[in-house]
Protein backbone atom coordinates (compact mmCIF):
# COMPACT_ATOMS: atom_id res chain seq x y z
CA MET A 1 53.53 72.25 2.88
CA ASN A 2 55.74 70.10 5.17
CA ILE A 3 57.77 72.56 7.22
CA ALA A 4 59.98 69.82 8.64
CA ALA A 5 61.11 68.99 5.12
CA LEU A 6 62.24 72.56 4.69
CA ASN A 7 64.49 72.39 7.73
CA LYS A 8 68.10 72.37 6.72
CA LYS A 9 69.65 69.01 7.38
CA GLY A 10 72.86 69.02 9.40
CA ASN A 11 75.39 66.30 9.86
CA SER A 12 73.63 62.97 10.24
CA LYS A 13 75.85 62.04 13.14
CA SER A 14 74.43 62.92 16.51
CA ILE A 15 76.27 65.03 19.04
CA SER A 16 76.89 62.05 21.28
CA ARG A 17 78.30 59.98 18.42
CA LEU A 18 80.69 62.72 17.37
CA PHE A 19 81.71 63.25 20.98
CA LEU A 20 82.53 59.56 21.44
CA LYS A 21 84.51 59.64 18.21
CA ASN A 22 86.58 62.54 19.54
CA LEU A 23 87.46 60.54 22.64
CA LYS A 24 89.54 58.20 20.46
CA TYR A 25 91.87 61.07 19.60
CA ASP A 26 91.57 63.48 22.50
CA LYS A 27 93.25 61.88 25.52
CA LEU A 28 92.52 64.87 27.74
CA ALA A 29 88.82 64.56 26.95
CA LEU A 30 88.97 60.85 27.79
CA LEU A 31 90.71 61.68 31.06
CA GLY A 32 88.04 64.26 31.75
CA VAL A 33 85.25 61.73 31.19
CA VAL A 34 86.93 59.18 33.47
CA LEU A 35 87.44 61.74 36.25
CA LEU A 36 83.92 63.10 35.86
CA VAL A 37 82.38 59.62 36.06
CA PHE A 38 84.50 58.99 39.16
CA PHE A 39 83.28 62.19 40.87
CA ILE A 40 79.66 61.48 39.94
CA GLY A 41 79.99 57.98 41.40
CA VAL A 42 81.47 59.37 44.61
CA ALA A 43 78.64 61.93 44.84
CA ILE A 44 75.92 59.31 44.34
CA PHE A 45 77.35 56.84 46.85
CA SER A 46 78.93 59.39 49.22
CA ASP A 47 76.89 58.27 52.23
CA GLY A 48 78.20 54.73 51.85
CA ILE A 49 81.78 55.75 51.01
CA ALA A 50 82.25 58.20 53.89
CA PRO A 51 83.18 56.13 56.98
CA HIS A 52 82.23 58.88 59.44
CA GLY A 53 79.89 61.83 59.77
CA PRO A 54 81.37 65.19 58.71
CA ARG A 55 81.08 66.58 62.26
CA ASP A 56 82.04 63.46 64.22
CA ARG A 57 85.00 63.90 66.56
CA HIS A 58 87.54 61.14 67.00
CA TYR A 59 89.56 60.21 70.08
CA ASP A 60 92.50 57.94 70.75
CA GLU A 61 92.68 55.17 73.36
CA GLU A 62 93.43 57.69 76.11
CA GLY A 63 90.41 59.81 75.27
CA THR A 64 92.44 62.61 73.67
CA ILE A 65 91.09 64.28 70.54
CA ARG A 66 92.95 63.21 67.40
CA ARG A 67 93.89 66.79 66.64
CA LEU A 68 95.67 67.63 63.37
CA GLU A 69 96.80 64.09 62.67
CA PRO A 70 98.41 63.58 59.24
CA PRO A 71 97.02 60.98 56.82
CA SER A 72 96.91 57.48 58.26
CA ARG A 73 95.22 54.16 57.63
CA GLU A 74 92.31 55.11 59.89
CA HIS A 75 92.04 58.66 58.51
CA PRO A 76 93.36 58.65 54.89
CA PHE A 77 93.19 62.45 54.55
CA GLY A 78 94.10 63.25 58.16
CA THR A 79 92.04 65.06 60.80
CA THR A 80 91.10 68.65 61.58
CA ASP A 81 91.98 70.72 64.64
CA VAL A 82 88.93 69.29 66.45
CA GLY A 83 89.48 65.69 65.40
CA ARG A 84 87.10 65.44 62.44
CA ASP A 85 87.80 63.09 59.54
CA ILE A 86 88.77 65.09 56.44
CA PHE A 87 88.24 62.15 54.08
CA SER A 88 84.56 61.96 55.02
CA GLN A 89 84.17 65.73 54.61
CA VAL A 90 85.77 65.70 51.15
CA VAL A 91 83.66 62.74 50.01
CA LEU A 92 80.40 64.33 51.20
CA GLY A 93 81.48 67.68 49.74
CA THR A 94 81.52 66.08 46.28
CA ARG A 95 77.74 65.76 46.37
CA THR A 96 77.36 69.41 47.36
CA ALA A 97 79.61 70.60 44.54
CA LEU A 98 77.85 68.60 41.82
CA THR A 99 74.37 69.39 43.17
CA VAL A 100 75.03 73.12 43.05
CA GLY A 101 76.84 72.89 39.71
CA LEU A 102 74.22 70.85 37.86
CA LEU A 103 71.10 72.57 39.26
CA ALA A 104 72.47 76.08 38.81
CA ALA A 105 73.69 75.32 35.28
CA PHE A 106 70.31 73.84 34.35
CA LEU A 107 68.40 76.89 35.61
CA VAL A 108 70.85 79.27 33.96
CA THR A 109 70.65 77.59 30.56
CA VAL A 110 66.84 77.28 30.63
CA VAL A 111 66.28 80.95 31.54
CA GLY A 112 69.05 82.24 29.30
CA SER A 113 67.92 80.13 26.34
CA ILE A 114 64.29 81.26 26.57
CA VAL A 115 65.30 84.93 26.82
CA GLY A 116 67.78 84.58 23.95
CA ILE A 117 65.36 82.76 21.66
CA VAL A 118 62.50 85.19 22.27
CA ALA A 119 64.72 88.28 21.89
CA GLY A 120 66.39 87.01 18.72
CA TYR A 121 63.16 85.78 17.13
CA TYR A 122 61.05 88.90 17.62
CA GLY A 123 63.79 91.51 17.35
CA GLY A 124 62.75 95.16 17.41
CA TRP A 125 61.57 96.64 20.70
CA VAL A 126 61.27 93.19 22.31
CA ASP A 127 64.93 92.54 21.65
CA THR A 128 65.88 96.03 22.85
CA VAL A 129 63.99 95.72 26.15
CA MET A 130 65.31 92.23 26.89
CA MET A 131 68.90 93.20 26.14
CA ARG A 132 68.62 96.22 28.45
CA VAL A 133 67.48 93.84 31.18
CA VAL A 134 70.52 91.69 30.44
CA ASP A 135 72.74 94.79 30.67
CA PHE A 136 71.19 95.60 34.05
CA PHE A 137 72.12 92.17 35.43
CA TYR A 138 75.62 92.53 33.98
CA ALA A 139 76.02 95.64 36.14
CA ILE A 140 75.41 93.69 39.37
CA PRO A 141 78.71 92.50 40.93
CA PHE A 142 78.57 88.86 41.98
CA ILE A 143 80.34 88.81 45.37
CA PRO A 144 78.59 91.90 46.85
CA PHE A 145 75.28 90.47 45.64
CA VAL A 146 76.00 87.20 47.44
CA ILE A 147 76.93 89.07 50.64
CA VAL A 148 73.65 91.01 50.59
CA LEU A 149 71.69 87.84 49.78
CA SER A 150 73.36 86.03 52.69
CA ALA A 151 72.48 88.87 55.03
CA VAL A 152 68.83 88.83 53.95
CA LEU A 153 68.33 85.08 53.66
CA LYS A 154 69.53 82.18 55.79
CA PRO A 155 72.75 80.66 54.38
CA SER A 156 72.06 77.49 52.39
CA ILE A 157 73.17 75.80 49.19
CA TRP A 158 69.79 76.72 47.68
CA ASN A 159 70.62 80.40 48.14
CA VAL A 160 73.95 79.77 46.41
CA ILE A 161 72.10 78.17 43.51
CA LEU A 162 69.72 81.15 43.48
CA ALA A 163 72.58 83.67 43.45
CA VAL A 164 74.45 81.90 40.64
CA SER A 165 71.26 81.46 38.59
CA LEU A 166 70.14 85.08 38.94
CA LEU A 167 73.40 86.52 37.64
CA SER A 168 74.68 83.90 35.17
CA TRP A 169 71.81 83.50 32.68
CA ARG A 170 72.76 86.80 31.04
CA THR A 171 75.74 85.29 29.20
CA VAL A 172 73.71 82.39 27.83
CA ALA A 173 70.97 84.80 26.74
CA ARG A 174 73.38 86.92 24.71
CA LEU A 175 75.02 83.94 23.00
CA VAL A 176 71.74 82.25 22.12
CA ARG A 177 70.27 85.53 20.88
CA SER A 178 73.22 86.05 18.52
CA GLN A 179 72.72 82.56 17.09
CA VAL A 180 68.95 83.00 16.70
CA LEU A 181 69.38 86.32 14.85
CA SER A 182 71.06 84.44 12.02
CA ILE A 183 68.72 81.44 12.14
CA VAL A 184 65.52 83.49 11.71
CA GLU A 185 66.78 84.68 8.33
CA ARG A 186 67.09 81.17 6.93
CA PRO A 187 64.70 80.09 4.16
CA TYR A 188 62.95 77.31 6.09
CA ILE A 189 61.94 79.74 8.87
CA LYS A 190 60.50 82.18 6.34
CA ALA A 191 58.75 79.30 4.58
CA GLY A 192 57.32 78.21 7.90
CA ARG A 193 55.78 81.63 8.44
CA VAL A 194 54.24 81.49 4.96
CA ALA A 195 52.87 78.02 5.72
CA GLY A 196 51.08 79.43 8.76
CA ALA A 197 53.24 78.07 11.59
CA GLY A 198 52.81 80.04 14.81
CA ASP A 199 55.58 81.87 16.63
CA PHE A 200 55.76 79.34 19.47
CA ARG A 201 56.06 76.43 17.03
CA LEU A 202 58.77 78.16 15.02
CA MET A 203 60.76 79.16 18.09
CA PHE A 204 60.73 75.92 20.01
CA LYS A 205 60.34 73.29 17.31
CA TYR A 206 62.47 74.66 14.50
CA ILE A 207 64.82 77.22 16.04
CA LEU A 208 65.52 75.53 19.38
CA PRO A 209 66.96 72.32 17.84
CA ASN A 210 69.48 74.44 15.95
CA VAL A 211 70.80 76.09 19.13
CA ILE A 212 70.77 73.00 21.37
CA PRO A 213 74.47 72.23 20.66
CA LEU A 214 75.39 75.76 21.76
CA ILE A 215 73.14 75.45 24.82
CA LEU A 216 74.75 72.15 25.84
CA LEU A 217 78.20 73.65 25.46
CA GLU A 218 77.32 76.67 27.59
CA MET A 219 75.69 74.42 30.18
CA ALA A 220 78.94 72.45 30.51
CA PHE A 221 80.91 75.63 31.13
CA MET A 222 78.23 76.89 33.52
CA VAL A 223 78.57 73.75 35.64
CA ASN A 224 82.24 74.67 36.07
CA TRP A 225 81.41 78.26 36.93
CA ALA A 226 78.73 77.26 39.45
CA ILE A 227 81.04 74.79 41.23
CA ALA A 228 83.80 77.39 41.45
CA ALA A 229 81.29 80.00 42.65
CA GLU A 230 79.96 77.71 45.39
CA ALA A 231 83.50 76.94 46.60
CA SER A 232 84.37 80.65 46.57
CA ILE A 233 81.24 81.64 48.49
CA ALA A 234 81.84 78.95 51.12
CA PHE A 235 85.53 79.89 51.36
CA LEU A 236 84.58 83.50 52.11
CA GLY A 237 82.33 82.28 54.94
CA PHE A 238 78.94 82.85 53.33
CA GLY A 239 78.08 79.20 52.73
CA ASP A 240 75.90 76.91 54.82
CA PRO A 241 78.08 75.64 57.73
CA SER A 242 75.83 72.62 58.20
CA VAL A 243 76.44 71.28 54.66
CA PRO A 244 79.78 69.62 53.82
CA SER A 245 81.56 71.72 51.22
CA TRP A 246 85.08 71.86 49.84
CA GLY A 247 85.07 75.65 50.14
CA GLN A 248 83.86 75.37 53.74
CA ILE A 249 86.76 73.02 54.57
CA LEU A 250 89.25 75.56 53.19
CA HIS A 251 87.49 78.39 55.04
CA ILE A 252 87.89 76.60 58.37
CA VAL A 253 91.54 75.69 57.88
CA PHE A 254 92.45 79.31 57.05
CA SER A 255 90.22 80.91 59.69
CA THR A 256 91.71 78.70 62.43
CA GLY A 257 95.27 79.56 61.39
CA ASN A 258 96.26 75.98 60.54
CA SER A 259 97.03 76.49 56.87
CA ARG A 260 100.79 76.36 57.47
CA VAL A 261 100.90 73.40 59.83
CA ALA A 262 98.32 71.02 58.31
CA TRP A 263 99.21 70.63 54.62
CA TRP A 264 96.81 67.69 54.26
CA TRP A 265 93.87 69.83 55.37
CA ILE A 266 94.41 72.22 52.44
CA THR A 267 95.68 69.80 49.81
CA THR A 268 92.80 67.32 49.65
CA PRO A 269 89.81 69.68 49.16
CA GLY A 270 91.92 71.97 46.95
CA LEU A 271 92.98 69.06 44.76
CA ALA A 272 89.37 67.84 44.57
CA ILE A 273 88.23 71.26 43.31
CA VAL A 274 91.00 71.44 40.71
CA LEU A 275 90.45 67.90 39.41
CA LEU A 276 86.66 68.30 39.12
CA LEU A 277 86.94 71.65 37.33
CA LEU A 278 89.60 70.27 34.98
CA SER A 279 87.52 67.18 34.17
CA ILE A 280 84.50 69.30 33.23
CA PHE A 281 86.70 71.69 31.23
CA PHE A 282 88.25 68.83 29.22
CA VAL A 283 84.78 67.42 28.49
CA ALA A 284 83.44 70.85 27.53
CA ARG A 285 86.41 71.46 25.24
CA ALA A 286 85.75 68.16 23.47
CA LEU A 287 82.08 69.09 23.18
CA GLU A 288 83.12 72.40 21.63
CA GLU A 289 84.82 70.50 18.82
CA VAL A 290 81.51 68.78 18.11
CA VAL A 291 79.51 72.02 18.18
CA ASP A 292 81.96 73.98 16.01
CA PRO A 293 82.65 72.16 12.70
CA ARG A 294 85.82 74.23 12.21
CA LEU A 295 87.37 72.52 15.23
CA ARG A 296 86.44 68.96 14.31
CA ARG A 297 89.20 66.47 13.74
CA ARG A 298 89.42 65.11 10.22
């Protein structure tokens, strides 16, 4: 018996094709794609775009530090209280934000998907044990966990990725599990068991493709969450001070008491965070229309 032939056929259009079709009607999604491509380009070529190092100090002709200078031709985003170029810091911080967001989201979706698929497929005591583990991780508060982790380990973006990954997979696991619980009752899965297909084959060859749209959607939202989490951690002072970060820029401007006198120091990294998060949200919302047939445009 050909198990693949028993698999229920979905819409012949691929996810990417439906997504591109939605861009014709959803202007916010198109704006999100344009902004996201822009940020990715800045992150990839940040070393070439940034005219100065993030910790370089700049002096005028008289040898005086260019302290708290507003935006100018030489420093488009102004300077800090110690004469550092904010434009270079914001550009280099783009790479940090996307690195943390993409890596953390990937780890979260992989771990959460595996746990959700296994729990939903086997059910019974396996499902019960795994869901109690998920409940345990739900009980751990994020910020206190990060503080303890920072005290135990040396601050770095890899520890931020670790913290986000350890506590965020739980949501993906629950959502995937709920989807798998309904999929395992479908006729082609039962026919596969009768045909002698093993558990691993059924889970990852015939169940996984059916939950990939949901996984991609959750991954998009997790990228947003991870970027916001990294900025929050750095803003609270628990980030790596040696790595350019938008949250680190905001932490310094507030901790030095310059938030009221240097509007450019706050505006540029804050605007970068907002625009990146909005771009990913618009893209994820458009992807949700592809995943959920009830939301698709006619």
